[in-house]
Amino acid sequence: MAVPLPTSKQPVALGEGNVRASRIRRAPPPVAERQTVLVSRSERDRNAVLLGIVMSALAVIAILVGFASYSGWTPREVVARI
């Protein structure tokens, strides 16, 4: 096994001497306020999807009613025969 080369530095004794406390005084970190979650993420996604479907259906109905009124069609023209 190889022998390490001698160095001129003295080894550091870590176990000896008094241990000094740090003189730096730091303020404690601020306490973060807890944020309450009113609606869970999955419930919010469900509500968004439902709202999108309802708004799309209302848009299609509005377009159909607009075309029907433009062409002069009214529901009174339809006669139900039973």
N, C-alpha and C. Protein backbone atom coordinates (compact mmCIF):
# COMPACT_ATOMS: atom_id res chain seq x y z
N MET A 1 0.84 -1.16 0.00
CA MET A 1 0.00 0.00 0.00
C MET A 1 0.89 1.23 0.00
N ALA A 2 0.47 2.26 -0.69
CA ALA A 2 1.27 3.47 -0.82
C ALA A 2 1.20 4.31 0.44
N VAL A 3 2.30 4.96 0.74
CA VAL A 3 2.37 5.84 1.91
C VAL A 3 2.13 7.27 1.43
N PRO A 4 1.22 8.02 2.09
CA PRO A 4 0.98 9.39 1.64
C PRO A 4 2.21 10.26 1.83
N LEU A 5 2.33 11.25 0.99
CA LEU A 5 3.48 12.14 1.07
C LEU A 5 3.36 13.01 2.31
N PRO A 6 4.45 13.30 2.97
CA PRO A 6 4.38 14.15 4.15
C PRO A 6 4.08 15.60 3.75
N THR A 7 3.26 16.26 4.56
CA THR A 7 2.93 17.67 4.31
C THR A 7 3.43 18.49 5.47
N SER A 8 3.58 19.77 5.24
CA SER A 8 4.08 20.64 6.29
C SER A 8 2.96 21.16 7.18
N LYS A 9 1.72 20.90 6.83
CA LYS A 9 0.61 21.39 7.64
C LYS A 9 0.40 20.51 8.85
N GLN A 10 -0.01 21.12 9.92
CA GLN A 10 -0.34 20.37 11.13
C GLN A 10 -1.80 19.91 11.05
N PRO A 11 -2.10 18.73 11.55
CA PRO A 11 -3.49 18.27 11.52
C PRO A 11 -4.35 19.11 12.47
N VAL A 12 -5.61 19.22 12.14
CA VAL A 12 -6.56 19.99 12.95
C VAL A 12 -7.23 19.06 13.92
N ALA A 13 -7.20 19.43 15.21
CA ALA A 13 -7.86 18.63 16.24
C ALA A 13 -9.28 19.17 16.40
N LEU A 14 -10.28 18.43 15.94
CA LEU A 14 -11.65 18.90 16.00
C LEU A 14 -12.31 18.63 17.35
N GLY A 15 -11.83 17.70 18.11
CA GLY A 15 -12.47 17.35 19.36
C GLY A 15 -12.03 18.18 20.54
N GLU A 16 -11.03 18.98 20.38
CA GLU A 16 -10.50 19.73 21.52
C GLU A 16 -11.02 21.16 21.51
N GLY A 17 -10.95 21.80 22.67
CA GLY A 17 -11.30 23.21 22.76
C GLY A 17 -12.77 23.42 23.11
N ASN A 18 -13.08 24.66 23.38
CA ASN A 18 -14.46 25.01 23.71
C ASN A 18 -15.26 25.23 22.43
N VAL A 19 -16.49 24.80 22.49
CA VAL A 19 -17.37 25.01 21.35
C VAL A 19 -18.09 26.33 21.57
N ARG A 20 -17.91 27.26 20.65
CA ARG A 20 -18.54 28.56 20.79
C ARG A 20 -19.85 28.59 20.02
N ALA A 21 -20.80 29.27 20.58
CA ALA A 21 -22.07 29.45 19.89
C ALA A 21 -21.92 30.56 18.87
N SER A 22 -22.77 30.55 17.89
CA SER A 22 -22.73 31.58 16.87
C SER A 22 -23.14 32.92 17.46
N ARG A 23 -22.48 33.96 17.05
CA ARG A 23 -22.82 35.30 17.55
C ARG A 23 -23.86 35.97 16.66
N ILE A 24 -24.15 35.40 15.53
CA ILE A 24 -25.12 36.00 14.62
C ILE A 24 -26.52 35.75 15.17
N ARG A 25 -27.22 36.84 15.39
CA ARG A 25 -28.59 36.70 15.90
C ARG A 25 -29.54 36.93 14.75
N ARG A 26 -30.33 35.96 14.52
CA ARG A 26 -31.27 36.04 13.41
C ARG A 26 -32.68 36.08 13.96
N ALA A 27 -33.53 36.82 13.26
CA ALA A 27 -34.94 36.85 13.63
C ALA A 27 -35.56 35.54 13.16
N PRO A 28 -36.50 35.01 13.92
CA PRO A 28 -37.15 33.78 13.48
C PRO A 28 -37.95 34.03 12.21
N PRO A 29 -38.11 33.02 11.39
CA PRO A 29 -38.86 33.23 10.15
C PRO A 29 -40.31 33.58 10.47
N PRO A 30 -40.94 34.40 9.65
CA PRO A 30 -42.33 34.77 9.92
C PRO A 30 -43.25 33.56 9.82
N VAL A 31 -44.26 33.56 10.63
CA VAL A 31 -45.21 32.46 10.63
C VAL A 31 -46.14 32.63 9.43
N ALA A 32 -46.18 31.63 8.59
CA ALA A 32 -47.03 31.68 7.41
C ALA A 32 -48.48 31.43 7.81
N GLU A 33 -49.36 32.26 7.26
CA GLU A 33 -50.78 32.08 7.57
C GLU A 33 -51.31 30.88 6.80
N ARG A 34 -52.17 30.13 7.45
CA ARG A 34 -52.76 28.98 6.79
C ARG A 34 -53.83 29.45 5.83
N GLN A 35 -53.78 28.92 4.64
CA GLN A 35 -54.79 29.25 3.65
C GLN A 35 -55.80 28.12 3.62
N THR A 36 -57.05 28.48 3.75
CA THR A 36 -58.09 27.46 3.74
C THR A 36 -58.55 27.24 2.30
N VAL A 37 -58.69 26.00 1.95
CA VAL A 37 -59.16 25.65 0.62
C VAL A 37 -60.66 25.44 0.72
N LEU A 38 -61.40 26.29 0.02
CA LEU A 38 -62.85 26.20 0.10
C LEU A 38 -63.40 25.07 -0.77
N VAL A 39 -62.83 24.91 -1.95
CA VAL A 39 -63.31 23.89 -2.88
C VAL A 39 -62.11 23.07 -3.33
N SER A 40 -62.26 21.77 -3.36
CA SER A 40 -61.16 20.93 -3.79
C SER A 40 -60.93 21.09 -5.29
N ARG A 41 -59.77 20.71 -5.74
CA ARG A 41 -59.40 20.90 -7.13
C ARG A 41 -60.29 20.07 -8.06
N SER A 42 -60.59 18.83 -7.68
CA SER A 42 -61.40 17.99 -8.55
C SER A 42 -62.84 18.51 -8.64
N GLU A 43 -63.35 19.04 -7.53
CA GLU A 43 -64.70 19.60 -7.57
C GLU A 43 -64.74 20.86 -8.44
N ARG A 44 -63.70 21.66 -8.37
CA ARG A 44 -63.63 22.87 -9.20
C ARG A 44 -63.57 22.48 -10.68
N ASP A 45 -62.81 21.41 -11.01
CA ASP A 45 -62.74 20.95 -12.39
C ASP A 45 -64.10 20.45 -12.86
N ARG A 46 -64.79 19.70 -12.00
CA ARG A 46 -66.13 19.22 -12.36
C ARG A 46 -67.07 20.39 -12.64
N ASN A 47 -67.02 21.40 -11.80
CA ASN A 47 -67.89 22.56 -12.00
C ASN A 47 -67.55 23.29 -13.29
N ALA A 48 -66.26 23.38 -13.61
CA ALA A 48 -65.85 24.06 -14.84
C ALA A 48 -66.33 23.29 -16.07
N VAL A 49 -66.24 21.96 -16.03
CA VAL A 49 -66.70 21.15 -17.16
C VAL A 49 -68.21 21.29 -17.32
N LEU A 50 -68.93 21.22 -16.22
CA LEU A 50 -70.39 21.36 -16.28
C LEU A 50 -70.79 22.73 -16.81
N LEU A 51 -70.12 23.77 -16.37
CA LEU A 51 -70.41 25.11 -16.85
C LEU A 51 -70.11 25.23 -18.35
N GLY A 52 -69.04 24.62 -18.80
CA GLY A 52 -68.70 24.65 -20.23
C GLY A 52 -69.74 23.94 -21.07
N ILE A 53 -70.23 22.80 -20.61
CA ILE A 53 -71.25 22.06 -21.35
C ILE A 53 -72.55 22.86 -21.43
N VAL A 54 -72.97 23.46 -20.30
CA VAL A 54 -74.21 24.23 -20.27
C VAL A 54 -74.09 25.46 -21.17
N MET A 55 -72.96 26.15 -21.11
CA MET A 55 -72.78 27.34 -21.95
C MET A 55 -72.76 26.97 -23.44
N SER A 56 -72.15 25.84 -23.78
CA SER A 56 -72.14 25.40 -25.18
C SER A 56 -73.54 25.07 -25.65
N ALA A 57 -74.32 24.38 -24.82
CA ALA A 57 -75.69 24.04 -25.19
C ALA A 57 -76.53 25.30 -25.36
N LEU A 58 -76.37 26.27 -24.48
CA LEU A 58 -77.12 27.52 -24.62
C LEU A 58 -76.73 28.27 -25.89
N ALA A 59 -75.46 28.23 -26.25
CA ALA A 59 -75.01 28.89 -27.47
C ALA A 59 -75.62 28.22 -28.70
N VAL A 60 -75.66 26.89 -28.72
CA VAL A 60 -76.25 26.17 -29.85
C VAL A 60 -77.74 26.48 -29.94
N ILE A 61 -78.45 26.52 -28.82
CA ILE A 61 -79.88 26.84 -28.83
C ILE A 61 -80.09 28.26 -29.33
N ALA A 62 -79.27 29.19 -28.90
CA ALA A 62 -79.42 30.58 -29.35
C ALA A 62 -79.18 30.69 -30.86
N ILE A 63 -78.22 29.95 -31.39
CA ILE A 63 -77.96 29.98 -32.82
C ILE A 63 -79.14 29.39 -33.58
N LEU A 64 -79.68 28.26 -33.10
CA LEU A 64 -80.83 27.65 -33.77
C LEU A 64 -82.05 28.55 -33.75
N VAL A 65 -82.32 29.18 -32.62
CA VAL A 65 -83.46 30.10 -32.53
C VAL A 65 -83.24 31.30 -33.45
N GLY A 66 -82.02 31.78 -33.53
CA GLY A 66 -81.72 32.89 -34.43
C GLY A 66 -81.94 32.53 -35.88
N PHE A 67 -81.48 31.36 -36.31
CA PHE A 67 -81.71 30.93 -37.70
C PHE A 67 -83.20 30.70 -37.96
N ALA A 68 -83.91 30.14 -37.00
CA ALA A 68 -85.33 29.87 -37.18
C ALA A 68 -86.11 31.18 -37.30
N SER A 69 -85.81 32.15 -36.48
CA SER A 69 -86.52 33.42 -36.57
C SER A 69 -86.13 34.19 -37.83
N TYR A 70 -84.91 34.03 -38.28
CA TYR A 70 -84.47 34.69 -39.52
C TYR A 70 -85.22 34.12 -40.73
N SER A 71 -85.45 32.82 -40.70
CA SER A 71 -86.13 32.19 -41.83
C SER A 71 -87.65 32.34 -41.75
N GLY A 72 -88.16 32.86 -40.64
CA GLY A 72 -89.59 33.12 -40.53
C GLY A 72 -90.36 31.98 -39.89
N TRP A 73 -89.70 30.97 -39.36
CA TRP A 73 -90.39 29.84 -38.73
C TRP A 73 -90.76 30.20 -37.31
N THR A 74 -91.98 29.79 -36.88
CA THR A 74 -92.42 29.97 -35.51
C THR A 74 -92.99 28.64 -35.03
N PRO A 75 -92.99 28.42 -33.73
CA PRO A 75 -93.57 27.17 -33.20
C PRO A 75 -95.08 27.08 -33.44
N ARG A 76 -95.76 28.20 -33.72
CA ARG A 76 -97.21 28.16 -33.96
C ARG A 76 -97.54 27.49 -35.29
N GLU A 77 -96.58 27.37 -36.18
CA GLU A 77 -96.83 26.72 -37.47
C GLU A 77 -96.92 25.20 -37.35
N VAL A 78 -96.44 24.65 -36.25
CA VAL A 78 -96.43 23.21 -36.06
C VAL A 78 -97.77 22.80 -35.44
N VAL A 79 -98.44 21.84 -36.08
CA VAL A 79 -99.71 21.34 -35.58
C VAL A 79 -99.48 19.92 -35.06
N ALA A 80 -99.81 19.69 -33.82
CA ALA A 80 -99.65 18.36 -33.23
C ALA A 80 -100.93 17.59 -33.40
N ARG A 81 -100.86 16.46 -34.08
CA ARG A 81 -102.05 15.61 -34.32
C ARG A 81 -101.91 14.37 -33.45
N ILE A 82 -102.86 14.18 -32.61
CA ILE A 82 -102.82 13.03 -31.71
C ILE A 82 -103.84 12.00 -32.13
